[in-house]
Protein backbone atom coordinates (compact mmCIF):
# COMPACT_ATOMS: atom_id res chain seq x y z
CA MET A 1 -5.45 -200.50 -3.14
CA ARG A 2 -8.13 -198.94 -5.28
CA PRO A 3 -6.92 -196.20 -7.66
CA GLY A 4 -7.73 -192.84 -6.20
CA GLY A 5 -8.10 -194.30 -2.70
CA ASN A 6 -4.90 -192.76 -1.36
CA ARG A 7 -4.25 -189.15 -2.29
CA GLY A 8 -0.76 -189.00 -0.73
CA TRP A 9 0.84 -190.21 -3.94
CA LEU A 10 -0.80 -187.39 -5.92
CA LEU A 11 0.42 -184.67 -3.55
CA ARG A 12 3.96 -186.05 -3.68
CA LEU A 13 3.77 -186.21 -7.48
CA VAL A 14 2.63 -182.57 -7.63
CA ILE A 15 5.55 -181.54 -5.41
CA ALA A 16 8.05 -183.49 -7.50
CA PHE A 17 6.64 -182.07 -10.74
CA GLY A 18 6.82 -178.55 -9.30
CA PHE A 19 10.56 -178.90 -8.64
CA ALA A 20 11.26 -180.62 -11.97
CA GLN A 21 9.26 -178.07 -13.98
CA GLY A 22 10.71 -175.20 -11.96
CA ALA A 23 14.21 -176.39 -12.81
CA VAL A 24 13.40 -176.56 -16.54
CA SER A 25 11.65 -173.15 -16.50
CA MET A 26 14.67 -171.72 -14.72
CA ALA A 27 17.20 -173.35 -17.04
CA ARG A 28 15.73 -172.53 -20.44
CA PRO A 29 16.20 -168.74 -20.29
CA ALA A 30 19.55 -169.30 -18.55
CA VAL A 31 20.69 -171.48 -21.47
CA SER A 32 19.87 -168.67 -23.90
CA TYR A 33 21.74 -166.08 -21.84
CA ARG A 34 24.79 -168.33 -21.45
CA ALA A 35 24.80 -169.12 -25.18
CA LEU A 36 24.76 -165.39 -25.96
CA ALA A 37 27.62 -164.87 -23.51
CA LEU A 38 29.60 -167.56 -25.36
CA GLY A 39 29.15 -165.68 -28.65
CA ALA A 40 26.00 -167.21 -30.10
CA ASP A 41 23.83 -165.20 -32.46
CA GLU A 42 20.02 -165.37 -32.62
CA ARG A 43 20.10 -168.31 -35.03
CA ALA A 44 22.39 -170.36 -32.77
CA VAL A 45 20.19 -169.63 -29.76
CA GLY A 46 17.19 -170.83 -31.77
CA VAL A 47 18.97 -174.06 -32.72
CA ILE A 48 19.92 -174.78 -29.09
CA ALA A 49 16.36 -174.12 -27.97
CA GLY A 50 15.02 -176.28 -30.81
CA VAL A 51 17.16 -179.28 -29.81
CA TYR A 52 15.33 -179.28 -26.47
CA ALA A 53 12.05 -179.96 -28.29
CA LEU A 54 13.31 -181.98 -31.27
CA LEU A 55 15.36 -184.70 -29.56
CA PRO A 56 12.42 -186.01 -27.46
CA LEU A 57 10.29 -186.40 -30.60
CA PHE A 58 12.10 -189.65 -31.42
CA ALA A 59 11.78 -191.06 -27.90
CA ALA A 60 8.17 -190.23 -26.97
CA VAL A 61 6.34 -193.16 -28.57
CA PRO A 62 8.91 -195.84 -27.55
CA LEU A 63 8.76 -194.57 -23.97
CA GLY A 64 4.96 -194.65 -24.07
CA ARG A 65 5.03 -198.22 -25.40
CA ARG A 66 7.35 -199.27 -22.60
CA THR A 67 5.13 -197.67 -19.97
CA ASP A 68 1.97 -199.31 -21.34
CA HIS A 69 3.48 -202.74 -20.66
CA GLY A 70 5.54 -201.94 -17.58
CA ARG A 71 5.78 -199.72 -14.54
CA CYS A 72 5.50 -195.93 -14.64
CA ALA A 73 7.60 -195.07 -11.59
CA PRO A 74 11.09 -195.90 -12.99
CA LEU A 75 10.75 -193.15 -15.59
CA LEU A 76 10.44 -190.51 -12.86
CA PRO A 77 13.93 -190.78 -11.29
CA VAL A 78 15.44 -191.27 -14.75
CA GLY A 79 13.79 -188.02 -15.82
CA VAL A 80 15.04 -186.20 -12.72
CA VAL A 81 18.62 -187.41 -13.30
CA LEU A 82 18.55 -186.27 -16.95
CA ILE A 83 17.01 -182.88 -16.07
CA ALA A 84 19.48 -182.24 -13.24
CA GLY A 85 22.44 -183.40 -15.32
CA GLY A 86 21.37 -181.45 -18.40
CA CYS A 87 20.95 -178.26 -16.37
CA ALA A 88 24.21 -178.52 -14.44
CA LEU A 89 26.34 -179.63 -17.40
CA SER A 90 24.92 -176.79 -19.51
CA GLY A 91 26.31 -174.47 -16.83
CA VAL A 92 29.85 -175.80 -17.22
CA ALA A 93 29.76 -176.34 -21.00
CA GLY A 94 32.41 -174.37 -22.82
CA SER A 95 31.07 -174.51 -26.39
CA LEU A 96 27.76 -174.03 -28.16
CA TRP A 97 27.53 -177.60 -29.50
CA THR A 98 27.91 -179.06 -26.01
CA MET A 99 25.23 -176.66 -24.78
CA ALA A 100 22.92 -177.92 -27.52
CA LEU A 101 23.68 -181.51 -26.48
CA TRP A 102 22.89 -180.91 -22.80
CA SER A 103 19.79 -178.92 -23.75
CA GLY A 104 18.57 -182.02 -25.60
CA VAL A 105 19.34 -184.17 -22.56
CA MET A 106 17.30 -181.79 -20.42
CA GLY A 107 14.40 -182.03 -22.85
CA LEU A 108 14.62 -185.83 -22.88
CA GLY A 109 14.58 -185.86 -19.08
CA HIS A 110 11.52 -183.65 -18.99
CA LEU A 111 9.80 -185.98 -21.46
CA CYS A 112 10.62 -189.06 -19.34
CA PHE A 113 9.28 -187.40 -16.21
CA VAL A 114 6.09 -186.17 -17.88
CA ILE A 115 5.26 -189.49 -19.61
CA GLY A 116 5.87 -191.42 -16.39
CA SER A 117 3.90 -189.05 -14.20
CA GLN A 118 0.94 -188.66 -16.58
CA SER A 119 0.73 -192.44 -17.00
CA LEU A 120 0.85 -192.79 -13.21
CA VAL A 121 -2.09 -190.42 -12.80
CA ALA A 122 -4.07 -192.24 -15.49
CA ARG A 123 -3.33 -195.66 -14.01
CA GLN A 124 -3.95 -194.83 -10.34
CA SER A 125 -7.08 -192.69 -10.81
CA ALA A 126 -10.59 -194.01 -11.29
CA PRO A 127 -12.23 -192.69 -14.49
CA HIS A 128 -14.47 -190.24 -12.63
CA GLU A 129 -11.39 -188.87 -10.78
CA GLN A 130 -9.15 -188.32 -13.77
CA ASP A 131 -10.25 -184.77 -14.63
CA ARG A 132 -9.71 -183.65 -11.04
CA ASN A 133 -6.44 -185.52 -10.55
CA PHE A 134 -4.95 -184.33 -13.83
CA GLY A 135 -5.98 -180.79 -12.87
CA HIS A 136 -4.22 -181.07 -9.52
CA PHE A 137 -1.21 -182.70 -11.17
CA THR A 138 -0.74 -179.79 -13.59
CA ILE A 139 -0.71 -177.33 -10.68
CA GLY A 140 2.86 -178.53 -10.16
CA ALA A 141 3.75 -177.48 -13.71
CA ALA A 142 2.08 -174.08 -13.28
CA LEU A 143 3.94 -173.45 -10.02
CA GLY A 144 7.23 -174.34 -11.68
CA GLN A 145 6.45 -172.05 -14.60
CA LEU A 146 5.62 -169.26 -12.16
CA VAL A 147 8.68 -169.52 -9.90
CA GLY A 148 11.36 -170.74 -12.33
CA PRO A 149 11.70 -167.63 -14.54
CA ILE A 150 11.60 -165.36 -11.47
CA ALA A 151 14.44 -167.33 -9.88
CA ALA A 152 16.44 -167.22 -13.11
CA GLY A 153 15.95 -163.46 -13.37
CA ALA A 154 17.16 -163.00 -9.80
CA LEU A 155 20.42 -164.87 -10.48
CA ILE A 156 21.23 -163.75 -14.03
CA GLY A 157 22.58 -160.27 -14.65
CA GLY A 158 25.49 -157.94 -14.14
CA GLU A 159 28.67 -157.65 -16.12
CA ASP A 160 29.58 -161.34 -15.87
CA MET A 161 26.65 -162.74 -17.84
CA ALA A 162 28.46 -166.02 -18.53
CA GLY A 163 29.16 -166.59 -14.84
CA SER A 164 25.72 -165.60 -13.57
CA SER A 165 23.92 -167.72 -16.16
CA ALA A 166 26.17 -170.68 -15.29
CA LEU A 167 25.27 -170.22 -11.63
CA ALA A 168 21.56 -170.22 -12.53
CA LEU A 169 21.97 -173.47 -14.48
CA VAL A 170 23.78 -175.22 -11.64
CA ALA A 171 21.08 -173.98 -9.24
CA ALA A 172 18.44 -175.35 -11.62
CA GLY A 173 20.15 -178.75 -11.53
CA ALA A 174 20.09 -178.71 -7.72
CA THR A 175 16.40 -177.73 -7.80
CA ALA A 176 15.56 -180.69 -10.02
CA ALA A 177 17.39 -183.04 -7.65
CA VAL A 178 15.01 -182.05 -4.83
CA ALA A 179 12.25 -183.89 -6.72
CA PHE A 180 13.85 -187.18 -5.62
CA THR A 181 12.55 -186.65 -2.09
CA SER A 182 8.92 -187.11 -3.22
CA LEU A 183 9.29 -190.19 -5.43
CA TRP A 184 9.74 -192.96 -2.87
CA ARG A 185 7.23 -195.80 -3.47
CA ILE A 186 4.90 -193.52 -5.39
CA GLU A 187 3.43 -196.29 -7.57
CA HIS A 188 0.91 -198.65 -5.99
CA ARG A 189 1.98 -202.28 -6.01
CA ARG A 190 -1.34 -203.51 -7.38
CA THR A 191 -1.43 -201.13 -10.34
CA ALA A 192 2.23 -201.87 -11.05
CA SER A 193 1.72 -205.66 -11.01
CA SER A 194 -1.42 -205.48 -13.17
CA SER A 195 0.39 -203.39 -15.78
CA THR A 196 3.19 -205.95 -16.08
CA ALA A 197 0.72 -208.84 -16.22
CA ASP A 198 -1.40 -207.51 -19.09
CA LYS A 199 1.10 -207.68 -21.94
CA GLY A 200 -1.04 -208.12 -25.01
CA ALA A 201 -0.51 -207.19 -28.62
CA ARG A 202 0.50 -203.60 -29.19
CA VAL A 203 -2.13 -201.29 -30.64
CA PRO A 204 -0.78 -199.63 -33.83
CA VAL A 205 -0.08 -195.90 -33.58
CA ARG A 206 -2.31 -195.31 -36.58
CA GLY A 207 -5.16 -197.06 -34.79
CA ILE A 208 -4.68 -194.89 -31.70
CA LEU A 209 -4.71 -191.73 -33.79
CA ARG A 210 -7.92 -192.83 -35.50
CA THR A 211 -9.72 -193.28 -32.18
CA ARG A 212 -12.35 -190.62 -31.69
CA GLY A 213 -11.19 -188.14 -29.07
CA VAL A 214 -7.44 -188.72 -29.38
CA PRO A 215 -6.84 -186.25 -32.27
CA ALA A 216 -9.06 -183.70 -30.50
CA GLY A 217 -7.07 -184.01 -27.29
CA ILE A 218 -3.78 -183.67 -29.18
CA LEU A 219 -4.92 -180.56 -31.07
CA ILE A 220 -6.32 -178.88 -27.93
CA SER A 221 -3.11 -179.55 -26.03
CA LEU A 222 -0.97 -178.29 -28.92
CA ALA A 223 -3.01 -175.10 -29.24
CA VAL A 224 -2.91 -174.33 -25.51
CA LEU A 225 0.81 -175.00 -25.17
CA SER A 226 1.59 -172.97 -28.29
CA ALA A 227 -0.40 -170.08 -26.85
CA THR A 228 1.57 -170.24 -23.60
CA ASP A 229 4.95 -170.44 -25.36
CA ILE A 230 4.28 -167.65 -27.85
CA LEU A 231 2.78 -165.47 -25.14
CA THR A 232 6.00 -165.85 -23.12
CA ALA A 233 8.20 -165.18 -26.15
CA TYR A 234 6.34 -162.31 -27.81
CA LEU A 235 4.78 -160.36 -24.96
CA PRO A 236 8.19 -158.75 -24.23
CA VAL A 237 8.38 -157.77 -27.91
CA VAL A 238 4.91 -156.22 -27.72
CA GLY A 239 5.94 -154.44 -24.52
CA GLU A 240 9.02 -153.04 -26.22
CA HIS A 241 6.89 -151.63 -29.05
CA ARG A 242 4.36 -150.12 -26.64
CA GLY A 243 6.88 -148.74 -24.15
CA ILE A 244 6.03 -151.17 -21.32
CA ALA A 245 8.92 -151.79 -18.91
CA PRO A 246 10.39 -155.33 -18.73
CA SER A 247 9.58 -155.48 -15.01
CA VAL A 248 5.90 -154.84 -15.81
CA ILE A 249 5.97 -157.53 -18.51
CA GLY A 250 7.36 -159.96 -15.94
CA VAL A 251 4.50 -159.14 -13.59
CA LEU A 252 1.97 -159.62 -16.39
CA LEU A 253 3.40 -163.04 -17.26
CA SER A 254 3.33 -164.04 -13.60
CA LEU A 255 -0.28 -162.89 -13.43
CA ARG A 256 -1.08 -165.24 -16.31
CA ALA A 257 0.57 -168.16 -14.52
CA ALA A 258 -1.22 -167.36 -11.23
CA ALA A 259 -4.58 -167.33 -13.04
CA THR A 260 -3.78 -170.75 -14.51
CA ILE A 261 -3.14 -172.12 -11.01
CA ALA A 262 -6.40 -170.59 -9.79
CA CYS A 263 -8.28 -172.24 -12.64
CA ARG A 264 -6.98 -175.69 -11.78
CA LEU A 265 -7.95 -175.25 -8.14
CA VAL A 266 -11.60 -174.74 -9.13
CA LEU A 267 -11.63 -177.21 -12.02
CA THR A 268 -13.83 -179.76 -10.25
CA PRO A 269 -16.83 -177.45 -9.62
CA LEU A 270 -16.52 -176.11 -13.18
CA LEU A 271 -16.70 -179.67 -14.51
CA ARG A 272 -19.75 -180.41 -12.40
CA LEU A 273 -21.43 -177.29 -13.74
CA LEU A 274 -20.59 -177.59 -17.44
CA GLY A 275 -19.11 -181.00 -18.22
CA ARG A 276 -15.82 -181.58 -20.03
CA PRO A 277 -16.79 -181.02 -23.72
CA LEU A 278 -18.65 -177.76 -23.04
CA LEU A 279 -15.97 -176.47 -20.66
CA LEU A 280 -13.22 -177.18 -23.20
CA THR A 281 -15.23 -175.56 -25.99
CA LEU A 282 -16.05 -172.40 -24.05
CA THR A 283 -12.54 -171.88 -22.65
CA CYS A 284 -10.85 -172.43 -26.02
CA LEU A 285 -13.31 -170.04 -27.66
CA LEU A 286 -12.79 -167.37 -24.99
CA ALA A 287 -9.01 -167.86 -25.17
CA ALA A 288 -9.17 -167.30 -28.94
CA LEU A 289 -10.97 -163.98 -28.45
CA LEU A 290 -8.61 -162.91 -25.64
CA CYS A 291 -5.50 -163.74 -27.70
CA THR A 292 -6.82 -161.65 -30.56
CA ALA A 293 -7.59 -158.78 -28.16
CA ILE A 294 -3.93 -158.68 -27.02
CA ALA A 295 -3.06 -157.49 -30.54
CA LEU A 296 -5.09 -154.32 -29.87
CA PRO A 297 -3.31 -151.24 -28.42
CA VAL A 298 -4.93 -151.43 -24.98
CA PRO A 299 -3.59 -149.78 -21.78
CA VAL A 300 -1.49 -151.78 -19.33
CA TRP A 301 -4.31 -152.31 -16.81
CA ALA A 302 -6.55 -153.71 -19.56
CA LEU A 303 -3.71 -155.91 -20.79
CA GLY A 304 -3.40 -157.27 -17.25
CA LEU A 305 -7.10 -158.15 -17.17
CA LEU A 306 -6.84 -159.82 -20.59
CA LEU A 307 -3.86 -161.90 -19.49
CA ALA A 308 -5.51 -162.95 -16.22
CA ALA A 309 -8.62 -164.09 -18.08
CA LEU A 310 -6.49 -165.77 -20.74
CA GLY A 311 -4.43 -167.61 -18.12
CA PHE A 312 -7.62 -168.88 -16.50
CA CYS A 313 -8.96 -170.17 -19.84
CA LEU A 314 -5.65 -171.77 -20.83
CA GLY A 315 -5.53 -173.58 -17.50
CA VAL A 316 -8.38 -175.85 -18.59
CA GLY A 317 -6.94 -177.26 -21.80
CA GLN A 318 -3.92 -179.23 -20.61
CA PRO A 319 -5.44 -181.38 -17.82
CA LEU A 320 -8.71 -182.02 -19.66
CA SER A 321 -6.92 -182.91 -22.89
CA MET A 322 -5.02 -185.54 -20.89
CA THR A 323 -8.29 -187.06 -19.68
CA THR A 324 -9.78 -186.86 -23.17
CA VAL A 325 -6.86 -188.82 -24.62
CA VAL A 326 -6.71 -191.35 -21.77
CA GLN A 327 -10.42 -192.18 -21.84
CA ALA A 328 -10.61 -192.30 -25.63
CA ALA A 329 -7.58 -194.55 -26.15
CA PRO A 330 -7.63 -198.36 -25.76
CA ASP A 331 -6.83 -199.42 -22.20
CA ASP A 332 -3.56 -201.10 -23.18
CA ALA A 333 -2.32 -198.06 -25.13
CA ARG A 334 -3.05 -195.16 -22.80
CA SER A 335 0.60 -194.29 -22.17
CA THR A 336 1.32 -194.42 -25.89
CA ALA A 337 -1.62 -192.10 -26.52
CA LEU A 338 -0.27 -189.68 -23.89
CA ALA A 339 3.14 -189.92 -25.57
CA LEU A 340 1.54 -189.02 -28.90
CA ARG A 341 -0.06 -186.03 -27.20
CA LEU A 342 3.37 -184.95 -25.93
CA THR A 343 4.78 -185.46 -29.43
CA GLY A 344 2.14 -183.04 -30.70
CA ASN A 345 3.18 -180.60 -27.97
CA ARG A 346 6.82 -180.78 -29.04
CA LEU A 347 5.91 -180.28 -32.69
CA GLY A 348 3.89 -177.26 -31.64
CA GLN A 349 6.85 -175.92 -29.67
CA VAL A 350 8.96 -176.12 -32.81
CA ALA A 351 6.47 -175.06 -35.49
CA ALA A 352 4.44 -172.40 -33.67
CA PRO A 353 7.36 -170.08 -32.78
CA ALA A 354 8.73 -170.44 -36.32
CA ALA A 355 5.35 -169.53 -37.82
CA ALA A 356 4.95 -166.71 -35.31
CA GLY A 357 8.35 -165.31 -36.27
CA LEU A 358 7.44 -165.29 -39.96
CA ILE A 359 4.09 -163.62 -39.28
CA ALA A 360 5.63 -161.06 -36.93
CA GLY A 361 8.25 -160.18 -39.54
CA VAL A 362 5.53 -159.44 -42.10
CA ALA A 363 2.61 -158.06 -40.08
CA GLY A 364 4.14 -156.82 -36.81
CA ALA A 365 4.85 -158.09 -33.32
CA ALA A 366 1.18 -158.38 -32.32
CA ALA A 367 0.20 -160.50 -35.34
CA PRO A 368 1.21 -163.87 -33.77
CA PHE A 369 -1.57 -163.42 -31.22
CA VAL A 370 -4.11 -163.31 -34.05
CA MET A 371 -2.60 -166.57 -35.36
CA LEU A 372 -3.05 -168.07 -31.89
CA GLY A 373 -6.65 -166.92 -31.89
CA VAL A 374 -7.30 -168.85 -35.09
CA LEU A 375 -5.58 -171.98 -33.71
CA LEU A 376 -7.58 -171.85 -30.46
CA LEU A 377 -10.77 -171.29 -32.46
CA LEU A 378 -10.08 -174.52 -34.37
CA SER A 379 -9.45 -176.36 -31.11
CA SER A 380 -12.77 -175.13 -29.70
CA GLY A 381 -14.47 -176.72 -32.71
CA VAL A 382 -12.92 -180.15 -32.15
CA ALA A 383 -13.57 -179.91 -28.39
CA VAL A 384 -17.30 -180.18 -29.09
CA ARG A 385 -16.74 -183.73 -30.36
CA SER A 386 -14.54 -184.88 -27.47
CA PRO A 387 -15.85 -187.91 -25.57
CA ARG A 388 -18.03 -187.20 -22.57
CA GLU A 389 -16.78 -187.90 -19.06
CA PRO A 390 -17.98 -190.99 -17.15
CA ASP A 391 -21.14 -190.45 -15.15
CA GLU A 392 -20.18 -192.73 -12.27
CA PRO A 393 -17.24 -194.73 -10.91
CA GLY A 394 -16.26 -197.64 -13.13
CA GLU A 395 -18.01 -196.41 -16.27
CA ARG A 396 -15.94 -196.84 -19.40
CA VAL A 397 -16.84 -194.28 -22.00
CA GLY A 398 -17.75 -195.56 -25.44
CA ARG A 399 -16.69 -199.15 -24.74
CA ASP A 400 -18.67 -202.21 -25.70
CA ALA A 401 -18.01 -205.71 -24.46
CA PRO A 402 -15.90 -207.76 -26.86
CA ASP A 403 -17.35 -210.84 -28.49
CA GLY A 404 -17.58 -213.66 -26.01
CA ALA A 405 -17.27 -211.43 -22.95
CA GLU A 406 -20.02 -210.76 -20.50
CA GLY A 407 -21.41 -207.30 -20.99
CA PRO A 408 -24.21 -205.16 -19.64
CA ASP A 409 -26.78 -206.93 -21.82
CA LYS A 410 -25.52 -210.46 -21.16
CA PRO A 411 -26.23 -212.68 -18.19
CA GLY A 412 -23.66 -212.39 -15.43
CA GLY A 413 -22.24 -209.14 -16.83
CA GLU A 414 -20.69 -206.50 -14.65
CA GLY A 415 -22.61 -203.65 -16.19
CA ARG A 416 -20.54 -200.70 -17.26
CA GLY A 417 -17.28 -202.05 -15.98
CA VAL A 418 -16.32 -203.98 -19.15
CA ARG A 419 -12.78 -203.35 -20.22
CA ARG A 420 -11.86 -203.15 -23.88
CA GLY A 421 -9.30 -205.50 -25.31
CA LEU A 422 -10.09 -208.64 -23.27
CA GLY A 423 -9.89 -211.89 -25.17
CA ARG A 424 -12.44 -214.67 -25.05
CA GLY A 425 -12.71 -216.21 -21.64
CA ALA A 426 -10.61 -213.49 -19.98
CA PRO A 427 -11.81 -212.35 -16.55
CA LEU A 428 -13.69 -209.10 -16.43
CA ARG A 429 -12.42 -206.21 -14.36
CA ARG A 430 -13.70 -202.75 -13.76
CA LYS A 431 -11.58 -199.87 -14.97
CA SER A 432 -11.50 -198.55 -11.39
CA ASP A 433 -9.69 -201.74 -10.29
CA ILE A 434 -6.66 -201.35 -12.56
């Protein structure tokens, strides 16, 4: 089966990702509320939240290595089990250290699911389909981020904060378990067998990071995710300073998420109009200006317009940074490159809130948005140098035939379908056939 030939797997992956991401988005605020109910102070809550991002840092690259030389699909149910278990066991944990442990398990499960699913999209999509398919794939994440916090808010509250937050965590675990229903035979047999057959020498991490396009994709992804996280964390603080009700802040954050979903639905025509490098550059530049504008004392209706436009611009960065990394990396190290991108995301989730807290303490609650503007401005600069997208099916961007292989300028070559990393005498295959 040709990659991209059957779209059923992609729809099922989007559904599964929506439930998995919804469970995590529901559980993370519930973990904070339950920790507070158990007597945690702000520092302890920060440590528990940090374990979620720190623990997966040590597992990302090994998991990417394993996926490069094996199947993607087994990581998906493993991720669902860890997410569901981490959520539910956090709900019954009786101490802060056990909550931190299960928060780390939840983060590890999310990492497993994301590495497996992103590698699956990269492996089962032809090069010219990757931008579109990654865009559709991330709709699942945006839906989860939209619904999860709303569901948590509906369950958490009242006098028994410990009990209601525990109920929300158990419900989050049940939500994650629903993702199992969409994972049956989701990986094509041909792509799975070809991945296990091509076990060559591992590409060094340093070599992957030196590949043009990979650092750009990592930085863009880090900047966009940091913007989303800090926006979620500090918009309530800004609202408190400006007298905006929490219910209105919730609506504004939902508006941002809805605009992100809308962006990914129209990503394909935008790519046809502008191309990936220009689209990334423009959206990161506009997002930088919009983030800076949030620091201004604008009325609520104007803040809503700013957040809707910002959500639309931020919706571009994540899926296109995935394609940038996948198409820039060597063919036998794509999953490792995606894992490095996720490692950058986790580092951003740890460092950006810490930096934002320091800046907010010195310059005020709106100052972190100016910091985000600078970070997004830097990412718009590197986006200009990101590799261009393939012009037609089977084209491999920036790849030349290895010595001894038949290439586009050699008799019997297969044109643009030459795959990097083939040894002498190895059969040629088009990228769209793997």
